[in-house]
Amino acid sequence: MAEKKPLGFRAIRVNAEASSLDKWRKQVIAGQPETGRAYAFISDEGTYMPGGEGTAPSPLTYFVSGMAL
């Protein structure tokens, strides 16, 4: 039996793939398959972390920014 969805229900899927660049720098390619678009995000820890260079926003900065949106 098919699951009944609430009126106005819309499933949203987001795919994300992360990779290490060097030291604390990471890259994530993320997007919604239904749009066919993907975006690259680079993150780096600040110099307060051994190996961090502060060349990009920290992962926590992205998280908090997403919550603000």
N, C-alpha and C. Protein backbone atom coordinates (compact mmCIF):
# COMPACT_ATOMS: atom_id res chain seq x y z
N MET A 1 0.85 -1.18 0.00
CA MET A 1 0.00 0.00 0.00
C MET A 1 0.89 1.24 0.00
N ALA A 2 0.58 2.19 -0.85
CA ALA A 2 1.38 3.42 -0.96
C ALA A 2 1.13 4.32 0.25
N GLU A 3 2.22 4.99 0.67
CA GLU A 3 2.10 5.91 1.81
C GLU A 3 1.38 7.16 1.36
N LYS A 4 0.41 7.60 2.14
CA LYS A 4 -0.35 8.81 1.80
C LYS A 4 0.45 10.02 2.26
N LYS A 5 0.68 10.93 1.34
CA LYS A 5 1.42 12.15 1.62
C LYS A 5 0.45 13.29 1.95
N PRO A 6 0.82 14.18 2.88
CA PRO A 6 -0.02 15.33 3.18
C PRO A 6 -0.19 16.23 1.96
N LEU A 7 -1.30 16.92 1.88
CA LEU A 7 -1.55 17.86 0.79
C LEU A 7 -0.42 18.89 0.74
N GLY A 8 0.12 19.14 -0.42
CA GLY A 8 1.20 20.10 -0.57
C GLY A 8 2.58 19.54 -0.28
N PHE A 9 2.66 18.24 0.02
CA PHE A 9 3.95 17.61 0.32
C PHE A 9 4.86 17.68 -0.89
N ARG A 10 6.13 18.00 -0.65
CA ARG A 10 7.13 18.02 -1.71
C ARG A 10 8.42 17.48 -1.13
N ALA A 11 8.89 16.37 -1.66
CA ALA A 11 10.16 15.80 -1.21
C ALA A 11 11.30 16.61 -1.82
N ILE A 12 12.28 16.92 -1.00
CA ILE A 12 13.46 17.64 -1.48
C ILE A 12 14.68 16.80 -1.15
N ARG A 13 15.47 16.52 -2.16
CA ARG A 13 16.68 15.72 -1.96
C ARG A 13 17.89 16.58 -2.28
N VAL A 14 18.88 16.51 -1.43
CA VAL A 14 20.14 17.22 -1.64
C VAL A 14 21.26 16.19 -1.52
N ASN A 15 22.12 16.16 -2.51
CA ASN A 15 23.29 15.28 -2.49
C ASN A 15 24.52 16.11 -2.18
N ALA A 16 25.45 15.54 -1.43
CA ALA A 16 26.70 16.23 -1.11
C ALA A 16 27.84 15.21 -1.07
N GLU A 17 28.95 15.59 -1.68
CA GLU A 17 30.13 14.73 -1.67
C GLU A 17 31.33 15.57 -1.23
N ALA A 18 32.00 15.12 -0.18
CA ALA A 18 33.13 15.87 0.38
C ALA A 18 34.45 15.20 0.04
N SER A 19 35.49 16.03 -0.09
CA SER A 19 36.83 15.50 -0.30
C SER A 19 37.84 16.42 0.40
N SER A 20 38.95 15.83 0.83
CA SER A 20 40.02 16.61 1.46
C SER A 20 40.91 17.18 0.38
N LEU A 21 41.28 18.45 0.54
CA LEU A 21 42.20 19.09 -0.39
C LEU A 21 43.62 19.04 0.16
N ASP A 22 43.82 19.64 1.32
CA ASP A 22 45.10 19.56 2.03
C ASP A 22 44.91 20.12 3.44
N LYS A 23 45.70 19.63 4.35
CA LYS A 23 45.59 20.03 5.76
C LYS A 23 44.13 20.00 6.18
N TRP A 24 43.57 21.14 6.63
CA TRP A 24 42.17 21.20 7.06
C TRP A 24 41.22 21.65 5.95
N ARG A 25 41.77 21.94 4.77
CA ARG A 25 40.90 22.40 3.66
C ARG A 25 40.10 21.23 3.09
N LYS A 26 38.80 21.46 2.94
CA LYS A 26 37.89 20.46 2.39
C LYS A 26 37.05 21.12 1.30
N GLN A 27 36.57 20.29 0.38
CA GLN A 27 35.65 20.77 -0.65
C GLN A 27 34.42 19.88 -0.64
N VAL A 28 33.27 20.50 -0.76
CA VAL A 28 32.01 19.77 -0.88
C VAL A 28 31.34 20.23 -2.18
N ILE A 29 30.89 19.26 -2.95
CA ILE A 29 30.06 19.54 -4.12
C ILE A 29 28.65 19.11 -3.71
N ALA A 30 27.72 20.05 -3.72
CA ALA A 30 26.37 19.77 -3.25
C ALA A 30 25.35 20.38 -4.21
N GLY A 31 24.22 19.72 -4.31
CA GLY A 31 23.15 20.24 -5.15
C GLY A 31 21.92 19.38 -5.06
N GLN A 32 20.89 19.84 -5.74
CA GLN A 32 19.63 19.12 -5.79
C GLN A 32 19.52 18.45 -7.15
N PRO A 33 19.45 17.12 -7.18
CA PRO A 33 19.40 16.40 -8.45
C PRO A 33 18.27 16.87 -9.37
N GLU A 34 17.13 17.27 -8.81
CA GLU A 34 16.00 17.67 -9.64
C GLU A 34 16.28 18.94 -10.45
N THR A 35 17.23 19.76 -9.99
CA THR A 35 17.55 20.99 -10.72
C THR A 35 18.71 20.79 -11.68
N GLY A 36 19.51 19.75 -11.45
CA GLY A 36 20.68 19.53 -12.30
C GLY A 36 21.83 20.47 -11.98
N ARG A 37 21.71 21.21 -10.89
CA ARG A 37 22.77 22.17 -10.51
C ARG A 37 23.52 21.66 -9.30
N ALA A 38 24.80 21.98 -9.26
CA ALA A 38 25.64 21.65 -8.10
C ALA A 38 26.55 22.83 -7.82
N TYR A 39 26.94 22.97 -6.58
CA TYR A 39 27.77 24.10 -6.16
C TYR A 39 28.93 23.59 -5.34
N ALA A 40 30.05 24.26 -5.44
CA ALA A 40 31.25 23.87 -4.69
C ALA A 40 31.40 24.79 -3.48
N PHE A 41 31.69 24.18 -2.35
CA PHE A 41 31.96 24.91 -1.11
C PHE A 41 33.34 24.49 -0.62
N ILE A 42 34.16 25.45 -0.28
CA ILE A 42 35.48 25.18 0.29
C ILE A 42 35.44 25.62 1.75
N SER A 43 36.00 24.83 2.64
CA SER A 43 36.10 25.23 4.04
C SER A 43 37.52 25.00 4.53
N ASP A 44 37.88 25.74 5.56
CA ASP A 44 39.19 25.62 6.18
C ASP A 44 39.03 26.07 7.63
N GLU A 45 39.74 25.44 8.50
CA GLU A 45 39.76 25.90 9.89
C GLU A 45 40.69 27.10 9.99
N GLY A 46 40.49 27.90 11.02
CA GLY A 46 41.34 29.06 11.24
C GLY A 46 42.70 28.65 11.80
N THR A 47 43.56 29.60 11.95
CA THR A 47 44.92 29.34 12.43
C THR A 47 44.93 28.90 13.90
N TYR A 48 43.79 28.97 14.58
CA TYR A 48 43.70 28.46 15.96
C TYR A 48 43.83 26.93 15.98
N MET A 49 43.66 26.27 14.84
CA MET A 49 43.83 24.82 14.73
C MET A 49 45.19 24.55 14.08
N PRO A 50 45.98 23.65 14.63
CA PRO A 50 47.25 23.31 13.98
C PRO A 50 46.99 22.81 12.56
N GLY A 51 47.55 23.49 11.58
CA GLY A 51 47.35 23.13 10.18
C GLY A 51 46.28 23.95 9.50
N GLY A 52 45.43 24.63 10.27
CA GLY A 52 44.41 25.50 9.69
C GLY A 52 45.06 26.77 9.18
N GLU A 53 44.59 27.25 8.04
CA GLU A 53 45.17 28.46 7.45
C GLU A 53 44.18 29.61 7.32
N GLY A 54 42.91 29.37 7.61
CA GLY A 54 41.91 30.43 7.53
C GLY A 54 41.68 30.95 6.12
N THR A 55 41.85 30.09 5.11
CA THR A 55 41.69 30.53 3.72
C THR A 55 40.25 30.49 3.23
N ALA A 56 39.35 29.96 4.04
CA ALA A 56 37.93 29.84 3.67
C ALA A 56 37.12 29.78 4.96
N PRO A 57 35.80 29.94 4.87
CA PRO A 57 34.98 29.83 6.08
C PRO A 57 35.12 28.45 6.72
N SER A 58 34.99 28.40 8.03
CA SER A 58 35.04 27.11 8.74
C SER A 58 33.74 26.36 8.51
N PRO A 59 33.72 25.05 8.72
CA PRO A 59 32.47 24.30 8.59
C PRO A 59 31.37 24.85 9.51
N LEU A 60 31.74 25.27 10.71
CA LEU A 60 30.75 25.84 11.63
C LEU A 60 30.15 27.13 11.07
N THR A 61 30.94 27.92 10.37
CA THR A 61 30.43 29.15 9.75
C THR A 61 29.36 28.82 8.72
N TYR A 62 29.61 27.79 7.90
CA TYR A 62 28.60 27.38 6.92
C TYR A 62 27.33 26.89 7.62
N PHE A 63 27.50 26.11 8.67
CA PHE A 63 26.35 25.57 9.40
C PHE A 63 25.49 26.71 9.96
N VAL A 64 26.11 27.65 10.65
CA VAL A 64 25.37 28.75 11.27
C VAL A 64 24.72 29.62 10.18
N SER A 65 25.41 29.83 9.08
CA SER A 65 24.83 30.61 7.99
C SER A 65 23.59 29.94 7.42
N GLY A 66 23.66 28.62 7.27
CA GLY A 66 22.50 27.88 6.78
C GLY A 66 21.32 28.00 7.72
N MET A 67 21.57 27.97 9.01
CA MET A 67 20.50 28.11 9.99
C MET A 67 19.87 29.51 9.91
N ALA A 68 20.69 30.52 9.61
CA ALA A 68 20.18 31.89 9.52
C ALA A 68 19.30 32.10 8.30
N LEU A 69 19.52 31.28 7.27
CA LEU A 69 18.70 31.43 6.06
C LEU A 69 17.33 30.85 6.28
